[in-house]
Protein backbone atom coordinates (compact mmCIF):
# COMPACT_ATOMS: atom_id res chain seq x y z
CA MET A 1 46.82 82.66 -60.08
CA ALA A 2 46.88 82.10 -63.87
CA VAL A 3 49.98 81.73 -65.72
CA CYS A 4 50.12 81.75 -69.39
CA LEU A 5 52.01 78.91 -71.18
CA SER A 6 54.64 81.42 -72.94
CA GLN A 7 55.53 82.58 -69.23
CA LEU A 8 56.01 78.74 -68.30
CA LEU A 9 58.25 78.27 -71.50
CA ARG A 10 60.51 81.39 -70.47
CA GLN A 11 61.25 80.01 -67.15
CA THR A 12 64.38 77.67 -67.20
CA HIS A 13 65.73 75.64 -64.34
CA ARG A 14 69.09 73.88 -64.11
CA TYR A 15 68.38 70.28 -63.80
CA ARG A 16 71.32 68.03 -63.53
CA GLY A 17 73.71 70.27 -65.50
CA GLN A 18 71.07 71.00 -68.32
CA ALA A 19 68.52 73.76 -68.85
CA ARG A 20 65.04 72.64 -68.85
CA SER A 21 61.77 74.38 -69.02
CA TYR A 22 59.23 74.13 -66.41
CA ILE A 23 56.88 72.08 -68.69
CA ASP A 24 59.97 69.73 -69.36
CA LEU A 25 60.36 69.17 -65.68
CA ARG A 26 56.82 68.22 -65.18
CA ALA A 27 57.17 65.66 -68.08
CA LEU A 28 59.97 63.95 -66.62
CA ARG A 29 57.80 63.37 -63.50
CA ILE A 30 54.80 61.96 -65.20
CA GLN A 31 54.90 58.79 -67.30
CA LYS A 32 52.53 57.36 -69.59
CA ASN A 33 51.47 53.77 -69.22
CA PRO A 34 50.47 51.99 -72.40
CA TYR A 35 47.95 50.01 -70.92
CA ASN A 36 46.23 52.65 -69.28
CA PRO A 37 45.77 56.15 -70.75
CA ALA A 38 45.60 57.98 -67.32
CA PRO A 39 49.38 59.18 -66.67
CA ILE A 40 51.17 57.58 -63.52
CA HIS A 41 53.20 59.94 -61.14
CA SER A 42 56.62 59.00 -60.38
CA ASP A 43 55.47 58.85 -56.52
CA ALA A 44 52.82 56.20 -57.53
CA ARG A 45 54.86 53.80 -59.67
CA SER A 46 54.84 51.12 -57.14
CA ALA A 47 52.80 48.85 -59.25
CA VAL A 48 55.11 49.49 -62.19
CA SER A 49 58.56 49.63 -61.26
CA LEU A 50 61.15 50.08 -63.93
CA PRO A 51 65.13 49.80 -63.10
CA PRO A 52 66.97 52.91 -63.07
CA CYS A 53 68.89 54.07 -65.92
CA PRO A 54 72.30 52.03 -66.12
CA LYS A 55 74.32 55.36 -67.55
CA CYS A 56 73.04 57.75 -65.29
CA ASN A 57 70.95 56.25 -62.21
CA SER A 58 68.00 58.39 -63.39
CA GLU A 59 64.61 57.29 -62.03
CA TYR A 60 62.55 58.57 -64.78
CA THR A 61 62.98 55.68 -67.30
CA TYR A 62 59.99 54.50 -69.44
CA GLU A 63 59.39 51.90 -71.95
CA ASP A 64 59.31 52.56 -75.59
CA GLY A 65 58.22 49.07 -77.34
CA ALA A 66 60.73 46.51 -76.60
CA GLN A 67 63.32 49.30 -75.52
CA ARG A 68 63.75 51.34 -72.04
CA VAL A 69 64.84 55.01 -72.42
CA CYS A 70 66.01 57.65 -69.99
CA PRO A 71 64.94 61.17 -70.66
CA GLU A 72 67.87 62.62 -68.99
CA CYS A 73 70.52 61.23 -70.66
CA ALA A 74 68.84 59.87 -73.96
CA HIS A 75 70.34 56.25 -73.23
CA GLU A 76 68.63 53.37 -74.69
CA TRP A 77 68.71 49.78 -73.68
CA SER A 78 66.84 46.48 -74.12
CA ALA A 79 64.83 45.14 -71.67
CA ASP A 80 66.70 42.10 -71.28
CA GLY A 81 70.27 43.05 -70.11
CA ALA A 82 71.80 40.02 -71.32
CA ALA A 83 72.21 41.29 -75.03
CA ASP A 84 73.80 44.34 -74.24
CA ALA A 85 76.55 42.65 -72.38
CA GLY A 86 77.63 40.74 -75.67
CA ASP A 87 77.94 44.13 -77.73
CA ASP A 88 80.98 45.41 -75.95
CA VAL A 89 83.27 42.45 -76.84
CA LYS A 90 85.39 43.56 -79.68
CA ILE A 91 87.78 41.16 -81.44
CA ILE A 92 90.87 42.88 -83.15
CA LYS A 93 92.70 40.52 -85.68
CA ASP A 94 96.06 41.46 -87.50
CA ALA A 95 96.78 41.20 -91.26
CA VAL A 96 96.93 37.74 -91.38
CA GLY A 97 93.63 36.81 -89.08
CA ASN A 98 95.26 35.91 -85.88
CA THR A 99 93.56 37.40 -82.79
CA LEU A 100 95.34 39.98 -81.14
CA GLN A 101 95.46 40.61 -76.99
CA ASP A 102 97.01 43.01 -74.79
CA GLY A 103 100.67 42.41 -74.24
CA ASP A 104 101.25 40.59 -77.36
CA THR A 105 104.20 41.04 -79.77
CA VAL A 106 103.51 41.95 -83.24
CA THR A 107 105.63 42.71 -86.43
CA VAL A 108 105.12 45.62 -88.84
CA ILE A 109 104.53 44.33 -92.58
CA LYS A 110 104.63 47.56 -94.16
CA ASP A 111 106.67 50.96 -94.11
CA LEU A 112 105.00 53.27 -92.12
CA LYS A 113 105.38 57.05 -92.29
CA VAL A 114 105.02 58.97 -88.89
CA LYS A 115 102.72 61.44 -89.32
CA GLY A 116 104.31 65.01 -88.63
CA SER A 117 107.67 63.74 -88.77
CA SER A 118 110.29 62.15 -91.57
CA LEU A 119 110.57 59.02 -89.41
CA VAL A 120 109.47 55.87 -91.01
CA VAL A 121 108.57 52.33 -89.20
CA LYS A 122 110.41 49.92 -91.28
CA VAL A 123 109.15 46.61 -92.33
CA GLY A 124 110.10 43.96 -89.80
CA THR A 125 110.02 46.36 -86.78
CA LYS A 126 108.85 44.28 -83.78
CA VAL A 127 106.81 46.09 -81.28
CA LYS A 128 106.34 44.49 -77.79
CA ASN A 129 103.78 44.71 -74.99
CA ILE A 130 100.83 46.00 -77.28
CA ARG A 131 97.76 47.61 -75.73
CA LEU A 132 94.14 47.20 -77.78
CA VAL A 133 92.36 50.29 -77.60
CA ASP A 134 88.87 51.44 -79.36
CA GLY A 135 89.04 53.62 -82.53
CA ASP A 136 90.41 53.63 -85.80
CA HIS A 137 93.76 52.93 -84.73
CA ASP A 138 93.32 49.70 -82.60
CA ILE A 139 96.79 49.29 -81.25
CA ASP A 140 98.70 51.47 -78.96
CA CYS A 141 102.41 50.85 -78.18
CA LYS A 142 106.08 52.13 -77.84
CA ILE A 143 108.42 51.79 -80.58
CA ASP A 144 112.17 52.05 -79.98
CA GLY A 145 113.63 55.09 -81.31
CA ILE A 146 110.31 56.53 -82.32
CA GLY A 147 108.18 56.85 -79.04
CA ALA A 148 104.59 55.94 -78.14
CA MET A 149 102.42 55.53 -81.25
CA LYS A 150 99.02 54.30 -82.33
CA LEU A 151 98.87 51.46 -85.12
CA LYS A 152 96.27 50.23 -87.11
CA SER A 153 95.76 46.24 -86.52
CA GLU A 154 95.80 45.70 -90.51
CA PHE A 155 99.72 46.71 -90.69
CA VAL A 156 100.93 44.21 -88.33
CA LYS A 157 101.17 40.53 -87.62
CA LYS A 158 101.51 38.45 -84.55
CA GLY A 159 104.78 37.21 -83.80
């Protein structure tokens, strides 16, 4: 039974939450070995065993130069996992250059207008028990009389 290519491309299947064509599914199961031009099928990869994707645990990973790539979630990582572990550590410093940590007490060094309200956080306001978060506003805290806020580390000093 011959099936034309356009019919195969029209057939889509739900595969781990993403719509993929029949040809895409076959491409996920077949992997090219850079040392041998013949494709290696996933059931015959015992000689070339690559670890699963650390993000989604997919077994269909492949090497691309010095990196490994997951075709399902598009996650890329280096072949040596030690280099990736150091990238997650972010050091947040205050306006003076002191390193901030969770639970520190900081002092506001500039009048800050609260967005969407007429309130102002005055210079010298002490903020206790800060929590460091990722993003543009590094500090998550509660200020007495105002409530929960996010502050930028450049407007506070430790102490």
